[in-house]
Amino acid sequence: MADLPETDRRPESLDSDKYTLDYLAYPKDLGWSKENANYVVFYVNIPQESKLKNQGTTIGTLSPIPGMVGTSSKMVDVKPYKRLKSAIALPIQSRPSAKYGADWDMTSLGPVLGWALTESLDTSSNEDSYWKKAADAGRSALNVGGNVMKAVGLSALNAASGMVGLGGEAGTRDIFSILSRTAINEHRTQLFKSMRFRSFSFEYHFYPRNPDEAQQIRNIIMMFKYHMHPETGGSNLFLTYPSEFDIVFYFGTQENAAAGDANSDQPSSARQNLFKISTCALTDFEVDYGGDQFYTFTDGMPTEISMRMGFMELELLTADRIKEGF
């Protein structure tokens, strides 16, 4: 398995790691050539109960780091994970993109509850003015009482006409609106529900120039495919969760994102070039062998391979996490 070049361009965060990591890197000059100074590292975390043993380079150096993964996620750890001593390092070939979304739902409070809540939240109103407004609202209701009775009567007539196929679609409320030339204020509002999980996509085009690069590409594809899938238990009744991934952007020797402080009142602007990604699951994986025309080398290896991946973040972010650079 190829290592990232042992030069001063090696990521400082990896040099300071307690454990030495092996890398499936493509191309070999990743991280220290001018063309490949920007790259991304995919760290693999396997479940504690995984049956995975050291099986060679096709799916990584499967010798887990003891203990919990040093992940950035603040989720509740129901089952502990271990980080492999193998990681995948690839250039950034498509522009990094982060999409943030929040779910809000519209709801109708209704005319009575909506009016009462509006008045109760009006800090400029005192108790006397509150009851005065209530009395005014009551008088307004009495003033339209005649139209209400007409609407009820016409609605009943409409329902009876419907029995012989002559009725319309208008109900009592619609008829009242026509008679009074007013529309009932539904007091609609938006309720915050939750933040959405972020998703990330990566696309790569590989053009192997020699047998070593071809084997490296095969190993990278196999490692992603293997760790995307679950394991089976001894009885085949249950499936062990697939591996998870920590994804980190690098520029040269350092992580290319902010190292903010959640306890600070201000967001960090230091090295806020890109964004951090919390622990992810690999949800989509697609490989195309060959280009517009399918060509291979003399050993059958395609001259071009395209790989597309989709990751789903497993943590719902809060403002504190945003201040940390996510």
C-alpha atoms as a PDB file:
ATOM      1  CA  MET A   1       0.000   0.000   0.000  1.00  0.00           C
ATOM      2  CA  ALA A   2       1.400   3.367  -0.997  1.00  0.00           C
ATOM      3  CA  ASP A   3       2.112   5.929   1.688  1.00  0.00           C
ATOM      4  CA  LEU A   4       1.707   9.640   1.292  1.00  0.00           C
ATOM      5  CA  PRO A   5       5.152  11.062   0.509  1.00  0.00           C
ATOM      6  CA  GLU A   6       7.323  11.349   3.618  1.00  0.00           C
ATOM      7  CA  THR A   7       8.107  15.019   3.104  1.00  0.00           C
ATOM      8  CA  ASP A   8       7.498  18.264   4.885  1.00  0.00           C
ATOM      9  CA  ARG A   9       4.212  18.413   2.956  1.00  0.00           C
ATOM     10  CA  ARG A  10       2.737  15.557   4.976  1.00  0.00           C
ATOM     11  CA  PRO A  11      -0.294  16.711   7.016  1.00  0.00           C
ATOM     12  CA  GLU A  12       0.846  17.915  10.417  1.00  0.00           C
ATOM     13  CA  SER A  13      -2.295  16.524  12.030  1.00  0.00           C
ATOM     14  CA  LEU A  14      -1.246  13.059  10.888  1.00  0.00           C
ATOM     15  CA  ASP A  15       2.367  13.389  11.992  1.00  0.00           C
ATOM     16  CA  SER A  16       1.207  14.295  15.472  1.00  0.00           C
ATOM     17  CA  ASP A  17      -1.185  11.321  15.580  1.00  0.00           C
ATOM     18  CA  LYS A  18      -0.400   8.676  18.148  1.00  0.00           C
ATOM     19  CA  TYR A  19      -0.792   6.025  15.470  1.00  0.00           C
ATOM     20  CA  THR A  20       0.885   5.684  12.086  1.00  0.00           C
ATOM     21  CA  LEU A  21      -1.648   5.518   9.287  1.00  0.00           C
ATOM     22  CA  ASP A  22      -1.228   3.755   5.953  1.00  0.00           C
ATOM     23  CA  TYR A  23      -2.702   5.428   2.888  1.00  0.00           C
ATOM     24  CA  LEU A  24      -4.273   4.388  -0.341  1.00  0.00           C
ATOM     25  CA  ALA A  25      -3.309   7.526  -2.236  1.00  0.00           C
ATOM     26  CA  TYR A  26      -3.907   8.457  -5.848  1.00  0.00           C
ATOM     27  CA  PRO A  27      -1.841   9.918  -7.438  1.00  0.00           C
ATOM     28  CA  LYS A  28       1.439   9.280  -5.614  1.00  0.00           C
ATOM     29  CA  ASP A  29       2.460  12.954  -5.536  1.00  0.00           C
ATOM     30  CA  LEU A  30      -0.685  13.846  -3.638  1.00  0.00           C
ATOM     31  CA  GLY A  31      -0.195  16.693  -1.158  1.00  0.00           C
ATOM     32  CA  TRP A  32       3.190  17.942  -2.202  1.00  0.00           C
ATOM     33  CA  SER A  33       2.977  18.741  -5.920  1.00  0.00           C
ATOM     34  CA  LYS A  34       1.565  22.114  -6.929  1.00  0.00           C
ATOM     35  CA  GLU A  35      -1.166  20.451  -8.985  1.00  0.00           C
ATOM     36  CA  ASN A  36      -2.281  18.223  -6.117  1.00  0.00           C
ATOM     37  CA  ALA A  37      -1.825  20.496  -3.085  1.00  0.00           C
ATOM     38  CA  ASN A  38      -5.557  20.243  -2.336  1.00  0.00           C
ATOM     39  CA  TYR A  39      -6.763  16.795  -1.341  1.00  0.00           C
ATOM     40  CA  VAL A  40      -9.245  15.021   0.888  1.00  0.00           C
ATOM     41  CA  VAL A  41      -8.655  12.119   3.275  1.00  0.00           C
ATOM     42  CA  PHE A  42     -11.353   9.543   4.037  1.00  0.00           C
ATOM     43  CA  TYR A  43     -10.820   7.913   7.442  1.00  0.00           C
ATOM     44  CA  VAL A  44     -12.682   4.644   8.026  1.00  0.00           C
ATOM     45  CA  ASN A  45     -14.353   3.736  11.340  1.00  0.00           C
ATOM     46  CA  ILE A  46     -15.600   0.183  11.857  1.00  0.00           C
ATOM     47  CA  PRO A  47     -18.053  -1.038  14.547  1.00  0.00           C
ATOM     48  CA  GLN A  48     -16.499  -2.432  17.700  1.00  0.00           C
ATOM     49  CA  GLU A  49     -18.182  -5.796  17.109  1.00  0.00           C
ATOM     50  CA  SER A  50     -16.933  -6.078  13.511  1.00  0.00           C
ATOM     51  CA  LYS A  51     -15.482  -9.457  12.531  1.00  0.00           C
ATOM     52  CA  LEU A  52     -12.902  -7.681  10.370  1.00  0.00           C
ATOM     53  CA  LYS A  53      -9.375  -9.095  10.507  1.00  0.00           C
ATOM     54  CA  ASN A  54      -6.158  -8.093   8.786  1.00  0.00           C
ATOM     55  CA  GLN A  55      -6.745  -9.328   5.244  1.00  0.00           C
ATOM     56  CA  GLY A  56      -4.229  -7.376   3.215  1.00  0.00           C
ATOM     57  CA  THR A  57      -4.398  -4.226   1.164  1.00  0.00           C
ATOM     58  CA  THR A  58      -7.606  -4.666  -0.846  1.00  0.00           C
ATOM     59  CA  ILE A  59      -9.772  -3.287   1.931  1.00  0.00           C
ATOM     60  CA  GLY A  60      -7.127  -1.528   3.967  1.00  0.00           C
ATOM     61  CA  THR A  61      -4.757  -2.428   6.745  1.00  0.00           C
ATOM     62  CA  LEU A  62      -7.450  -3.913   8.919  1.00  0.00           C
ATOM     63  CA  SER A  63      -5.769  -3.464  12.258  1.00  0.00           C
ATOM     64  CA  PRO A  64      -8.075  -1.132  14.183  1.00  0.00           C
ATOM     65  CA  ILE A  65      -6.799   1.580  16.442  1.00  0.00           C
ATOM     66  CA  PRO A  66      -7.821   0.568  19.977  1.00  0.00           C
ATOM     67  CA  GLY A  67     -10.543   2.553  21.685  1.00  0.00           C
ATOM     68  CA  MET A  68     -13.111   4.993  20.465  1.00  0.00           C
ATOM     69  CA  VAL A  69     -12.712   6.906  17.239  1.00  0.00           C
ATOM     70  CA  GLY A  70     -11.527  10.471  17.699  1.00  0.00           C
ATOM     71  CA  THR A  71     -14.480  11.677  15.716  1.00  0.00           C
ATOM     72  CA  SER A  72     -15.824  15.215  15.584  1.00  0.00           C
ATOM     73  CA  SER A  73     -19.384  13.989  16.018  1.00  0.00           C
ATOM     74  CA  LYS A  74     -21.201  14.716  19.270  1.00  0.00           C
ATOM     75  CA  MET A  75     -23.854  12.061  18.764  1.00  0.00           C
ATOM     76  CA  VAL A  76     -24.681   9.584  21.494  1.00  0.00           C
ATOM     77  CA  ASP A  77     -22.334   6.615  21.090  1.00  0.00           C
ATOM     78  CA  VAL A  78     -24.666   3.621  21.302  1.00  0.00           C
ATOM     79  CA  LYS A  79     -22.075   1.286  19.827  1.00  0.00           C
ATOM     80  CA  PRO A  80     -18.369   2.178  19.915  1.00  0.00           C
ATOM     81  CA  TYR A  81     -16.406   2.389  16.696  1.00  0.00           C
ATOM     82  CA  LYS A  82     -12.718   1.798  15.983  1.00  0.00           C
ATOM     83  CA  ARG A  83     -10.679   3.630  13.353  1.00  0.00           C
ATOM     84  CA  LEU A  84      -8.738   1.621  10.829  1.00  0.00           C
ATOM     85  CA  LYS A  85      -5.042   2.226  10.422  1.00  0.00           C
ATOM     86  CA  SER A  86      -5.782   2.681   6.722  1.00  0.00           C
ATOM     87  CA  ALA A  87      -7.194   5.774   5.042  1.00  0.00           C
ATOM     88  CA  ILE A  88      -7.892   6.854   1.468  1.00  0.00           C
ATOM     89  CA  ALA A  89      -6.364  10.081   0.155  1.00  0.00           C
ATOM     90  CA  LEU A  90      -7.622  11.546  -3.123  1.00  0.00           C
ATOM     91  CA  PRO A  91      -7.274  14.895  -4.895  1.00  0.00           C
ATOM     92  CA  ILE A  92     -10.143  17.377  -4.892  1.00  0.00           C
ATOM     93  CA  GLN A  93     -11.350  17.076  -8.487  1.00  0.00           C
ATOM     94  CA  SER A  94     -14.778  18.679  -8.071  1.00  0.00           C
ATOM     95  CA  ARG A  95     -15.583  21.816  -6.111  1.00  0.00           C
ATOM     96  CA  PRO A  96     -16.476  21.203  -2.434  1.00  0.00           C
ATOM     97  CA  SER A  97     -20.076  22.123  -1.666  1.00  0.00           C
ATOM     98  CA  ALA A  98     -22.009  22.301   1.618  1.00  0.00           C
ATOM     99  CA  LYS A  99     -25.780  22.801   1.661  1.00  0.00           C
ATOM    100  CA  TYR A 100     -27.564  23.745   4.868  1.00  0.00           C
ATOM    101  CA  GLY A 101     -31.306  23.280   5.270  1.00  0.00           C
ATOM    102  CA  ALA A 102     -33.928  23.816   7.957  1.00  0.00           C
ATOM    103  CA  ASP A 103     -37.456  22.403   8.108  1.00  0.00           C
ATOM    104  CA  TRP A 104     -40.283  24.786   8.961  1.00  0.00           C
ATOM    105  CA  ASP A 105     -43.962  23.811   8.761  1.00  0.00           C
ATOM    106  CA  MET A 106     -46.862  26.186   8.207  1.00  0.00           C
ATOM    107  CA  THR A 107     -49.769  25.828  10.639  1.00  0.00           C
ATOM    108  CA  SER A 108     -53.068  27.646  11.101  1.00  0.00           C
ATOM    109  CA  LEU A 109     -53.918  28.890  14.583  1.00  0.00           C
ATOM    110  CA  GLY A 110     -57.464  29.756  13.604  1.00  0.00           C
ATOM    111  CA  PRO A 111     -59.175  33.131  14.037  1.00  0.00           C
ATOM    112  CA  VAL A 112     -59.937  32.880  17.772  1.00  0.00           C
ATOM    113  CA  LEU A 113     -56.702  31.306  19.069  1.00  0.00           C
ATOM    114  CA  GLY A 114     -54.647  33.393  16.674  1.00  0.00           C
ATOM    115  CA  TRP A 115     -56.222  36.616  17.887  1.00  0.00           C
ATOM    116  CA  ALA A 116     -55.793  35.610  21.562  1.00  0.00           C
ATOM    117  CA  LEU A 117     -52.120  34.698  21.107  1.00  0.00           C
ATOM    118  CA  THR A 118     -51.424  37.873  19.170  1.00  0.00           C
ATOM    119  CA  GLU A 119     -52.879  40.011  21.927  1.00  0.00           C
ATOM    120  CA  SER A 120     -51.203  38.070  24.731  1.00  0.00           C
ATOM    121  CA  LEU A 121     -47.811  38.492  23.045  1.00  0.00           C
ATOM    122  CA  ASP A 122     -48.354  42.236  22.599  1.00  0.00           C
ATOM    123  CA  THR A 123     -46.145  43.671  25.346  1.00  0.00           C
ATOM    124  CA  SER A 124     -47.508  47.160  24.746  1.00  0.00           C
ATOM    125  CA  SER A 125     -50.992  46.087  25.879  1.00  0.00           C
ATOM    126  CA  ASN A 126     -52.111  46.114  29.503  1.00  0.00           C
ATOM    127  CA  GLU A 127     -54.951  44.108  31.002  1.00  0.00           C
ATOM    128  CA  ASP A 128     -57.526  46.848  30.470  1.00  0.00           C
ATOM    129  CA  SER A 129     -56.685  47.303  26.807  1.00  0.00           C
ATOM    130  CA  TYR A 130     -56.737  43.537  26.345  1.00  0.00           C
ATOM    131  CA  TRP A 131     -60.341  43.251  27.553  1.00  0.00           C
ATOM    132  CA  LYS A 132     -61.320  46.352  25.577  1.00  0.00           C
ATOM    133  CA  LYS A 133     -60.030  44.725  22.401  1.00  0.00           C
ATOM    134  CA  ALA A 134     -61.898  41.550  23.303  1.00  0.00           C
ATOM    135  CA  ALA A 135     -65.124  43.535  23.659  1.00  0.00           C
ATOM    136  CA  ASP A 136     -64.496  45.238  20.311  1.00  0.00           C
ATOM    137  CA  ALA A 137     -63.971  41.849  18.707  1.00  0.00           C
ATOM    138  CA  GLY A 138     -67.223  40.612  20.220  1.00  0.00           C
ATOM    139  CA  ARG A 139     -69.165  43.586  18.840  1.00  0.00           C
ATOM    140  CA  SER A 140     -67.627  42.992  15.421  1.00  0.00           C
ATOM    141  CA  ALA A 141     -68.824  39.403  15.556  1.00  0.00           C
ATOM    142  CA  LEU A 142     -72.363  40.552  16.387  1.00  0.00           C
ATOM    143  CA  ASN A 143     -72.322  42.991  13.497  1.00  0.00           C
ATOM    144  CA  VAL A 144     -71.739  40.162  11.036  1.00  0.00           C
ATOM    145  CA  GLY A 145     -74.244  37.887  12.750  1.00  0.00           C
ATOM    146  CA  GLY A 146     -76.844  38.526  10.041  1.00  0.00           C
ATOM    147  CA  ASN A 147     -74.487  37.402   7.325  1.00  0.00           C
ATOM    148  CA  VAL A 148     -73.613  34.306   9.356  1.00  0.00           C
ATOM    149  CA  MET A 149     -77.296  33.280   9.543  1.00  0.00           C
ATOM    150  CA  LYS A 150     -77.719  33.904   5.825  1.00  0.00           C
ATOM    151  CA  ALA A 151     -74.620  31.827   5.114  1.00  0.00           C
ATOM    152  CA  VAL A 152     -75.949  28.935   7.210  1.00  0.00           C
ATOM    153  CA  GLY A 153     -79.272  29.015   5.402  1.00  0.00           C
ATOM    154  CA  LEU A 154     -77.725  29.204   1.947  1.00  0.00           C
ATOM    155  CA  SER A 155     -75.313  26.418   2.840  1.00  0.00           C
ATOM    156  CA  ALA A 156     -78.221  24.171   3.812  1.00  0.00           C
ATOM    157  CA  LEU A 157     -79.944  25.022   0.518  1.00  0.00           C
ATOM    158  CA  ASN A 158     -76.737  24.197  -1.356  1.00  0.00           C
ATOM    159  CA  ALA A 159     -76.475  20.829   0.418  1.00  0.00           C
ATOM    160  CA  ALA A 160     -80.082  19.983  -0.432  1.00  0.00           C
ATOM    161  CA  SER A 161     -79.519  20.969  -4.059  1.00  0.00           C
ATOM    162  CA  GLY A 162     -76.506  18.690  -4.133  1.00  0.00           C
ATOM    163  CA  MET A 163     -78.765  15.698  -3.531  1.00  0.00           C
ATOM    164  CA  VAL A 164     -80.242  16.189  -7.005  1.00  0.00           C
ATOM    165  CA  GLY A 165     -76.984  17.182  -8.625  1.00  0.00           C
ATOM    166  CA  LEU A 166     -77.547  20.924  -8.583  1.00  0.00           C
ATOM    167  CA  GLY A 167     -75.307  21.886  -5.655  1.00  0.00           C
ATOM    168  CA  GLY A 168     -72.063  23.817  -5.772  1.00  0.00           C
ATOM    169  CA  GLU A 169     -68.752  23.352  -3.962  1.00  0.00           C
ATOM    170  CA  ALA A 170     -69.036  26.393  -1.678  1.00  0.00           C
ATOM    171  CA  GLY A 171     -69.424  25.715   2.054  1.00  0.00           C
ATOM    172  CA  THR A 172     -70.763  27.883   4.854  1.00  0.00           C
ATOM    173  CA  ARG A 173     -67.453  29.711   5.291  1.00  0.00           C
ATOM    174  CA  ASP A 174     -67.196  30.432   1.563  1.00  0.00           C
ATOM    175  CA  ILE A 175     -70.742  31.757   1.409  1.00  0.00           C
ATOM    176  CA  PHE A 176     -70.141  33.958   4.452  1.00  0.00           C
ATOM    177  CA  SER A 177     -67.032  35.387   2.810  1.00  0.00           C
ATOM    178  CA  ILE A 178     -69.024  36.242  -0.324  1.00  0.00           C
ATOM    179  CA  LEU A 179     -71.818  37.928   1.634  1.00  0.00           C
ATOM    180  CA  SER A 180     -69.584  39.932   3.967  1.00  0.00           C
ATOM    181  CA  ARG A 181     -66.822  40.589   1.435  1.00  0.00           C
ATOM    182  CA  THR A 182     -64.310  39.603   4.097  1.00  0.00           C
ATOM    183  CA  ALA A 183     -61.936  36.689   4.564  1.00  0.00           C
ATOM    184  CA  ILE A 184     -61.340  35.052   7.919  1.00  0.00           C
ATOM    185  CA  ASN A 185     -57.829  35.630   9.241  1.00  0.00           C
ATOM    186  CA  GLU A 186     -56.432  32.138   9.809  1.00  0.00           C
ATOM    187  CA  HIS A 187     -53.407  33.545  11.672  1.00  0.00           C
ATOM    188  CA  ARG A 188     -50.991  31.259   9.855  1.00  0.00           C
ATOM    189  CA  THR A 189     -47.477  30.943  11.192  1.00  0.00           C
ATOM    190  CA  GLN A 190     -44.328  28.883  10.688  1.00  0.00           C
ATOM    191  CA  LEU A 191     -43.108  26.383  13.273  1.00  0.00           C
ATOM    192  CA  PHE A 192     -39.468  25.316  13.379  1.00  0.00           C
ATOM    193  CA  LYS A 193     -39.122  21.535  13.279  1.00  0.00           C
ATOM    194  CA  SER A 194     -35.501  20.520  12.780  1.00  0.00           C
ATOM    195  CA  MET A 195     -32.318  21.006  10.809  1.00  0.00           C
ATOM    196  CA  ARG A 196     -31.673  18.750   7.846  1.00  0.00           C
ATOM    197  CA  PHE A 197     -28.775  16.346   7.550  1.00  0.00           C
ATOM    198  CA  ARG A 198     -26.115  17.571   5.150  1.00  0.00           C
ATOM    199  CA  SER A 199     -25.057  15.431   2.214  1.00  0.00           C
ATOM    200  CA  PHE A 200     -21.830  15.510   0.224  1.00  0.00           C
ATOM    201  CA  SER A 201     -20.845  14.128  -3.155  1.00  0.00           C
ATOM    202  CA  PHE A 202     -17.439  13.348  -4.619  1.00  0.00           C
ATOM    203  CA  GLU A 203     -16.630  12.404  -8.205  1.00  0.00           C
ATOM    204  CA  TYR A 204     -13.328  11.096  -9.534  1.00  0.00           C
ATOM    205  CA  HIS A 205     -11.920  10.193 -12.917  1.00  0.00           C
ATOM    206  CA  PHE A 206      -8.986   7.801 -12.857  1.00  0.00           C
ATOM    207  CA  TYR A 207      -6.534   7.326 -15.748  1.00  0.00           C
ATOM    208  CA  PRO A 208      -3.969   4.705 -14.667  1.00  0.00           C
ATOM    209  CA  ARG A 209      -0.574   5.204 -16.251  1.00  0.00           C
ATOM    210  CA  ASN A 210       1.059   1.975 -15.107  1.00  0.00           C
ATOM    211  CA  PRO A 211       0.195  -1.339 -13.374  1.00  0.00           C
ATOM    212  CA  ASP A 212       0.909   0.111  -9.913  1.00  0.00           C
ATOM    213  CA  GLU A 213      -1.615   2.908 -10.379  1.00  0.00           C
ATOM    214  CA  ALA A 214      -4.136   0.446 -11.775  1.00  0.00           C
ATOM    215  CA  GLN A 215      -3.822  -1.735  -8.681  1.00  0.00           C
ATOM    216  CA  GLN A 216      -4.089   1.301  -6.421  1.00  0.00           C
ATOM    217  CA  ILE A 217      -7.346   2.298  -8.118  1.00  0.00           C
ATOM    218  CA  ARG A 218      -8.727  -1.224  -7.720  1.00  0.00           C
ATOM    219  CA  ASN A 219      -7.845  -1.168  -4.031  1.00  0.00           C
ATOM    220  CA  ILE A 220      -9.502   2.221  -3.504  1.00  0.00           C
ATOM    221  CA  ILE A 221     -12.725   1.065  -5.157  1.00  0.00           C
ATOM    222  CA  MET A 222     -12.747  -2.179  -3.184  1.00  0.00           C
ATOM    223  CA  MET A 223     -12.167  -0.399   0.128  1.00  0.00           C
ATOM    224  CA  PHE A 224     -15.082   2.001  -0.389  1.00  0.00           C
ATOM    225  CA  LYS A 225     -17.405  -0.786  -1.544  1.00  0.00           C
ATOM    226  CA  TYR A 226     -16.473  -3.081   1.319  1.00  0.00           C
ATOM    227  CA  HIS A 227     -16.953  -0.518   4.086  1.00  0.00           C
ATOM    228  CA  MET A 228     -20.246   0.706   2.634  1.00  0.00           C
ATOM    229  CA  HIS A 229     -21.849  -2.676   3.235  1.00  0.00           C
ATOM    230  CA  PRO A 230     -22.940  -4.350   6.498  1.00  0.00           C
ATOM    231  CA  GLU A 231     -21.647  -7.604   7.929  1.00  0.00           C
ATOM    232  CA  THR A 232     -23.846 -10.569   8.752  1.00  0.00           C
ATOM    233  CA  GLY A 233     -24.059 -12.086  12.214  1.00  0.00           C
ATOM    234  CA  GLY A 234     -23.421 -15.743  12.944  1.00  0.00           C
ATOM    235  CA  SER A 235     -27.105 -16.625  12.575  1.00  0.00           C
ATOM    236  CA  ASN A 236     -27.823 -14.257   9.667  1.00  0.00           C
ATOM    237  CA  LEU A 237     -30.714 -12.823  11.688  1.00  0.00           C
ATOM    238  CA  PHE A 238     -29.059  -9.430  12.112  1.00  0.00           C
ATOM    239  CA  LEU A 239     -26.773  -7.167  10.142  1.00  0.00           C
ATOM    240  CA  THR A 240     -23.924  -5.242  11.739  1.00  0.00           C
ATOM    241  CA  TYR A 241     -23.930  -1.580  10.776  1.00  0.00           C
ATOM    242  CA  PRO A 242     -21.555  -0.600   7.942  1.00  0.00           C
ATOM    243  CA  SER A 243     -18.437   1.423   8.614  1.00  0.00           C
ATOM    244  CA  GLU A 244     -18.589   5.191   8.982  1.00  0.00           C
ATOM    245  CA  PHE A 245     -16.291   7.810   7.492  1.00  0.00           C
ATOM    246  CA  ASP A 246     -14.583  10.959   8.733  1.00  0.00           C
ATOM    247  CA  ILE A 247     -13.787  13.252   5.801  1.00  0.00           C
ATOM    248  CA  VAL A 248     -11.115  15.944   6.101  1.00  0.00           C
ATOM    249  CA  PHE A 249      -9.946  18.520   3.549  1.00  0.00           C
ATOM    250  CA  TYR A 250      -6.229  19.330   3.413  1.00  0.00           C
ATOM    251  CA  PHE A 251      -4.134  21.977   1.727  1.00  0.00           C
ATOM    252  CA  GLY A 252      -0.473  21.080   1.747  1.00  0.00           C
ATOM    253  CA  THR A 253       0.395  20.241   5.337  1.00  0.00           C
ATOM    254  CA  GLN A 254      -2.693  21.369   7.227  1.00  0.00           C
ATOM    255  CA  GLU A 255      -6.400  20.868   7.448  1.00  0.00           C
ATOM    256  CA  ASN A 256      -8.054  23.425   5.189  1.00  0.00           C
ATOM    257  CA  ALA A 257     -10.869  24.424   7.550  1.00  0.00           C
ATOM    258  CA  ALA A 258     -11.335  26.498  10.668  1.00  0.00           C
ATOM    259  CA  ALA A 259     -10.579  25.195  14.143  1.00  0.00           C
ATOM    260  CA  GLY A 260     -13.201  27.242  15.937  1.00  0.00           C
ATOM    261  CA  ASP A 261     -14.170  27.261  19.600  1.00  0.00           C
ATOM    262  CA  ALA A 262     -17.773  26.468  20.497  1.00  0.00           C
ATOM    263  CA  ASN A 263     -17.347  28.347  23.801  1.00  0.00           C
ATOM    264  CA  SER A 264     -16.401  31.560  22.033  1.00  0.00           C
ATOM    265  CA  ASP A 265     -18.996  34.241  21.379  1.00  0.00           C
ATOM    266  CA  GLN A 266     -17.613  34.863  17.907  1.00  0.00           C
ATOM    267  CA  PRO A 267     -17.201  32.459  14.986  1.00  0.00           C
ATOM    268  CA  SER A 268     -13.625  31.576  14.137  1.00  0.00           C
ATOM    269  CA  SER A 269     -12.240  33.185  10.983  1.00  0.00           C
ATOM    270  CA  ALA A 270      -8.791  31.593  11.235  1.00  0.00           C
ATOM    271  CA  ARG A 271      -8.165  29.506   8.109  1.00  0.00           C
ATOM    272  CA  GLN A 272     -11.876  29.419   7.349  1.00  0.00           C
ATOM    273  CA  ASN A 273     -11.253  28.460   3.726  1.00  0.00           C
ATOM    274  CA  LEU A 274     -13.482  25.396   3.592  1.00  0.00           C
ATOM    275  CA  PHE A 275     -15.781  23.615   6.036  1.00  0.00           C
ATOM    276  CA  LYS A 276     -15.541  20.668   8.375  1.00  0.00           C
ATOM    277  CA  ILE A 277     -17.598  17.515   7.887  1.00  0.00           C
ATOM    278  CA  SER A 278     -18.896  15.443  10.773  1.00  0.00           C
ATOM    279  CA  THR A 279     -18.972  11.641  10.707  1.00  0.00           C
ATOM    280  CA  CYS A 280     -20.746  10.314   7.601  1.00  0.00           C
ATOM    281  CA  ALA A 281     -22.268   7.175   6.144  1.00  0.00           C
ATOM    282  CA  LEU A 282     -21.548   6.229   2.531  1.00  0.00           C
ATOM    283  CA  THR A 283     -25.036   6.075   0.984  1.00  0.00           C
ATOM    284  CA  ASP A 284     -24.348   5.987  -2.766  1.00  0.00           C
ATOM    285  CA  PHE A 285     -21.470   4.493  -4.711  1.00  0.00           C
ATOM    286  CA  GLU A 286     -21.237   4.222  -8.492  1.00  0.00           C
ATOM    287  CA  VAL A 287     -18.369   3.125 -10.720  1.00  0.00           C
ATOM    288  CA  ASP A 288     -18.212   3.463 -14.514  1.00  0.00           C
ATOM    289  CA  TYR A 289     -15.566   1.408 -16.287  1.00  0.00           C
ATOM    290  CA  GLY A 290     -14.379   3.076 -19.474  1.00  0.00           C
ATOM    291  CA  GLY A 291     -15.118   6.410 -21.128  1.00  0.00           C
ATOM    292  CA  ASP A 292     -17.307   7.180 -24.126  1.00  0.00           C
ATOM    293  CA  GLN A 293     -15.572   4.234 -25.750  1.00  0.00           C
ATOM    294  CA  PHE A 294     -14.504   1.175 -23.772  1.00  0.00           C
ATOM    295  CA  TYR A 295     -10.772   0.556 -24.057  1.00  0.00           C
ATOM    296  CA  THR A 296      -8.505  -1.606 -21.936  1.00  0.00           C
ATOM    297  CA  PHE A 297      -4.816  -2.247 -21.484  1.00  0.00           C
ATOM    298  CA  THR A 298      -3.324  -5.564 -22.512  1.00  0.00           C
ATOM    299  CA  ASP A 299      -4.269  -7.086 -19.140  1.00  0.00           C
ATOM    300  CA  GLY A 300      -7.938  -6.053 -19.459  1.00  0.00           C
ATOM    301  CA  MET A 301      -7.725  -3.060 -17.098  1.00  0.00           C
ATOM    302  CA  PRO A 302      -9.914  -0.175 -18.407  1.00  0.00           C
ATOM    303  CA  THR A 303      -7.955   2.874 -19.499  1.00  0.00           C
ATOM    304  CA  GLU A 304     -10.455   5.124 -17.676  1.00  0.00           C
ATOM    305  CA  ILE A 305     -12.595   4.647 -14.553  1.00  0.00           C
ATOM    306  CA  SER A 306     -15.106   7.087 -13.042  1.00  0.00           C
ATOM    307  CA  MET A 307     -16.209   6.867  -9.408  1.00  0.00           C
ATOM    308  CA  ARG A 308     -19.061   8.791  -7.761  1.00  0.00           C
ATOM    309  CA  MET A 309     -19.839   8.745  -4.043  1.00  0.00           C
ATOM    310  CA  GLY A 310     -22.597  10.203  -1.894  1.00  0.00           C
ATOM    311  CA  PHE A 311     -22.176  10.669   1.876  1.00  0.00           C
ATOM    312  CA  MET A 312     -24.827  11.548   4.472  1.00  0.00           C
ATOM    313  CA  GLU A 313     -23.734  13.343   7.644  1.00  0.00           C
ATOM    314  CA  LEU A 314     -24.917  11.561  10.794  1.00  0.00           C
ATOM    315  CA  GLU A 315     -25.119  14.628  13.031  1.00  0.00           C
ATOM    316  CA  LEU A 316     -27.679  17.423  13.069  1.00  0.00           C
ATOM    317  CA  LEU A 317     -25.692  20.628  13.338  1.00  0.00           C
ATOM    318  CA  THR A 318     -26.355  23.453  15.787  1.00  0.00           C
ATOM    319  CA  ALA A 319     -25.022  27.018  15.967  1.00  0.00           C
ATOM    320  CA  ASP A 320     -22.258  25.808  18.295  1.00  0.00           C
ATOM    321  CA  ARG A 321     -21.010  23.398  15.633  1.00  0.00           C
ATOM    322  CA  ILE A 322     -21.127  26.145  13.001  1.00  0.00           C
ATOM    323  CA  LYS A 323     -18.811  28.239  15.200  1.00  0.00           C
ATOM    324  CA  GLU A 324     -16.425  25.265  15.205  1.00  0.00           C
ATOM    325  CA  GLY A 325     -16.125  25.443  11.421  1.00  0.00           C
ATOM    326  CA  PHE A 326     -18.803  23.026  10.167  1.00  0.00           C
END
